[in-house]
C-alpha cells in the first residue's frame, strides 16, 4: 500500500483517494465543519473582497431556472419570502458529498456533510427541517 494513499471500502465500491500534495482551489477540500462555518460566515459577509468583486458575488450572473441563479461561485435562490434569499455551494467526490445554504438576511444557514454516495438523498428533508418555510421554498425551487 502506498503510504500517501487512503483506502475506504464499502460493500459496493472501493474508493481510492490520493493525498493532496499540491494546492487545488477547485477540488478535494479537507476541512472541519467548524472551520468551514467560519469561512462561510466570512464569505456571506463578503469579507476581504474588493468592492467591485463584492458587488458581483451574489449578483445574478446566469439564470439556471426560475428563482435560481449563479453568482460568482454561489447558487442564489430568490423569492423565499420576507425578502429573504439563500446562497448555496456544494461539493461532491466519490463517497463524500456536502452542501450549504446560507440566508444572509436572517443569518441562518445549514451545512451538510455526508460520507456516503447516498448522502444527497437526505438533503431535502434536512433543509426543510432546519430552515422551515425557507427550506421548503428552496426545495420547491429545486424540484420545479
Protein backbone atom coordinates (compact mmCIF):
# COMPACT_ATOMS: atom_id res chain seq x y z
CA UNK A 1 0.00 0.00 0.00
CA UNK A 2 1.24 3.44 -0.91
CA UNK A 3 1.70 5.36 2.40
CA UNK A 4 0.45 8.54 0.69
CA UNK A 5 -2.89 6.94 -0.14
CA UNK A 6 -6.00 6.26 1.86
CA UNK A 7 -8.38 3.42 1.09
CA UNK A 8 -12.02 3.29 2.08
CA UNK A 9 -14.26 0.43 1.14
CA UNK A 10 -17.99 -0.07 1.12
CA UNK A 11 -19.96 -3.16 0.30
CA UNK A 12 -20.39 -1.99 -3.30
CA UNK A 13 -17.46 0.24 -4.22
CA UNK A 14 -13.84 0.63 -3.30
CA UNK A 15 -12.75 4.27 -3.32
CA UNK A 16 -9.12 5.24 -3.76
CA UNK A 17 -8.05 8.67 -2.64
CA UNK A 18 -4.64 10.17 -3.22
CA UNK A 19 -3.48 12.52 -0.51
CA UNK A 20 -3.33 16.12 -1.61
CA UNK A 21 0.27 17.19 -2.05
CA UNK A 22 -0.35 20.31 -4.12
CA UNK A 23 -2.85 23.13 -3.68
CA UNK A 24 -6.12 22.81 -5.58
CA UNK A 25 -8.72 25.51 -5.12
CA UNK A 26 -11.32 23.59 -7.09
CA UNK A 27 -11.44 20.14 -5.53
CA UNK A 28 -10.87 17.84 -2.58
CA UNK A 29 -11.21 20.45 0.17
CA UNK A 30 -10.43 18.94 3.53
CA UNK A 31 -11.75 20.89 6.50
CA UNK A 32 -13.88 20.65 9.62
CA UNK A 33 -17.46 21.82 9.82
CA UNK A 34 -16.39 24.45 12.38
CA UNK A 35 -13.70 25.90 10.11
CA UNK A 36 -15.94 25.71 7.04
CA UNK A 37 -18.65 27.51 9.02
CA UNK A 38 -16.23 30.32 9.85
CA UNK A 39 -15.29 30.57 6.18
CA UNK A 40 -18.95 30.65 5.13
CA UNK A 41 -19.78 33.45 7.57
CA UNK A 42 -16.86 35.47 6.18
CA UNK A 43 -17.96 34.73 2.62
CA UNK A 44 -21.58 35.65 3.39
CA UNK A 45 -20.36 38.95 4.82
CA UNK A 46 -18.11 39.50 1.77
CA UNK A 47 -15.07 39.91 4.00
CA UNK A 48 -11.73 40.50 2.32
CA UNK A 49 -13.15 41.31 -1.12
CA UNK A 50 -12.68 44.43 -3.15
CA UNK A 51 -15.86 46.50 -3.59
CA UNK A 52 -16.04 45.58 -7.28
CA UNK A 53 -15.88 41.83 -6.61
CA UNK A 54 -18.14 42.08 -3.55
CA UNK A 55 -20.84 43.75 -5.67
CA UNK A 56 -20.82 40.79 -8.07
CA UNK A 57 -20.56 37.76 -5.77
CA UNK A 58 -24.30 37.41 -5.14
CA UNK A 59 -25.47 39.14 -8.32
CA UNK A 60 -27.41 37.15 -10.90
CA UNK A 61 -24.72 36.20 -13.42
CA UNK A 62 -26.68 33.35 -15.03
CA UNK A 63 -30.27 32.15 -14.62
CA UNK A 64 -30.45 28.35 -14.26
CA UNK A 65 -34.20 28.04 -13.51
CA UNK A 66 -36.98 30.17 -12.05
CA UNK A 67 -35.73 31.88 -8.88
CA UNK A 68 -32.28 30.23 -9.06
CA UNK A 69 -29.20 31.93 -10.44
CA UNK A 70 -25.44 31.54 -10.39
CA UNK A 71 -23.33 34.29 -8.88
CA UNK A 72 -19.56 34.16 -8.53
CA UNK A 73 -19.12 30.67 -7.09
CA UNK A 74 -22.58 30.51 -5.50
CA UNK A 75 -26.08 29.45 -6.39
CA UNK A 76 -28.57 32.14 -5.43
CA UNK A 77 -32.17 31.28 -4.53
CA UNK A 78 -34.62 34.19 -4.71
CA UNK A 79 -38.20 34.66 -3.57
CA UNK A 80 -38.03 32.73 -0.30
CA UNK A 81 -40.45 35.10 1.41
CA UNK A 82 -39.96 38.12 3.68
CA UNK A 83 -37.34 39.49 1.27
CA UNK A 84 -35.02 36.59 2.11
CA UNK A 85 -32.77 34.85 -0.38
CA UNK A 86 -30.31 31.99 0.03
CA UNK A 87 -26.83 31.33 -1.24
CA UNK A 88 -25.58 27.80 -1.70
CA UNK A 89 -22.45 25.89 -2.59
CA UNK A 90 -21.91 22.16 -2.84
CA UNK A 91 -19.16 19.66 -3.39
CA UNK A 92 -19.02 16.06 -4.49
CA UNK A 93 -16.31 13.44 -4.57
CA UNK A 94 -16.69 9.67 -4.62
CA UNK A 95 -18.18 8.69 -1.27
CA UNK A 96 -18.36 12.24 0.11
CA UNK A 97 -20.91 14.96 -0.54
CA UNK A 98 -21.56 18.35 1.01
CA UNK A 99 -23.86 21.31 0.60
CA UNK A 100 -24.53 24.53 2.46
CA UNK A 101 -27.35 27.06 2.37
CA UNK A 102 -26.96 30.48 3.95
CA UNK A 103 -29.70 33.06 4.43
CA UNK A 104 -27.90 36.41 4.65
CA UNK A 105 -30.88 38.48 5.83
CA UNK A 106 -31.63 36.31 8.88
CA UNK A 107 -28.09 34.97 9.37
CA UNK A 108 -29.37 31.38 9.41
CA UNK A 109 -27.83 28.56 7.48
CA UNK A 110 -27.13 24.87 7.29
CA UNK A 111 -24.02 22.87 6.42
CA UNK A 112 -24.50 19.23 5.49
CA UNK A 113 -21.54 16.85 5.16
CA UNK A 114 -22.13 13.20 4.26
CA UNK A 115 -19.76 10.31 3.89
CA UNK A 116 -21.96 8.21 1.64
CA UNK A 117 -22.90 8.23 -2.01
CA UNK A 118 -26.49 8.12 -0.72
CA UNK A 119 -26.00 11.26 1.39
CA UNK A 120 -27.64 13.68 -1.05
CA UNK A 121 -30.91 11.77 -0.61
CA UNK A 122 -31.10 13.35 2.86
CA UNK A 123 -30.67 16.95 1.72
CA UNK A 124 -34.31 17.92 1.11
CA UNK A 125 -35.55 16.58 4.45
CA UNK A 126 -32.70 18.21 6.39
CA UNK A 127 -33.10 21.55 4.62
CA UNK A 128 -36.86 21.62 5.25
CA UNK A 129 -36.49 20.50 8.88
CA UNK A 130 -33.87 23.08 9.76
CA UNK A 131 -34.73 26.08 7.58
CA UNK A 132 -38.52 25.55 7.88
CA UNK A 133 -40.57 27.53 5.32
CA UNK A 134 -37.43 28.99 3.72
CA UNK A 135 -36.09 25.46 3.33
CA UNK A 136 -39.35 24.36 1.77
CA UNK A 137 -39.09 27.25 -0.69
CA UNK A 138 -35.55 26.17 -1.63
CA UNK A 139 -36.69 22.58 -2.19
CA UNK A 140 -39.65 23.80 -4.24
CA UNK A 141 -37.31 25.83 -6.49
CA UNK A 142 -35.07 22.78 -6.97
CA UNK A 143 -37.96 20.45 -7.78
CA UNK A 144 -39.54 22.66 -10.45
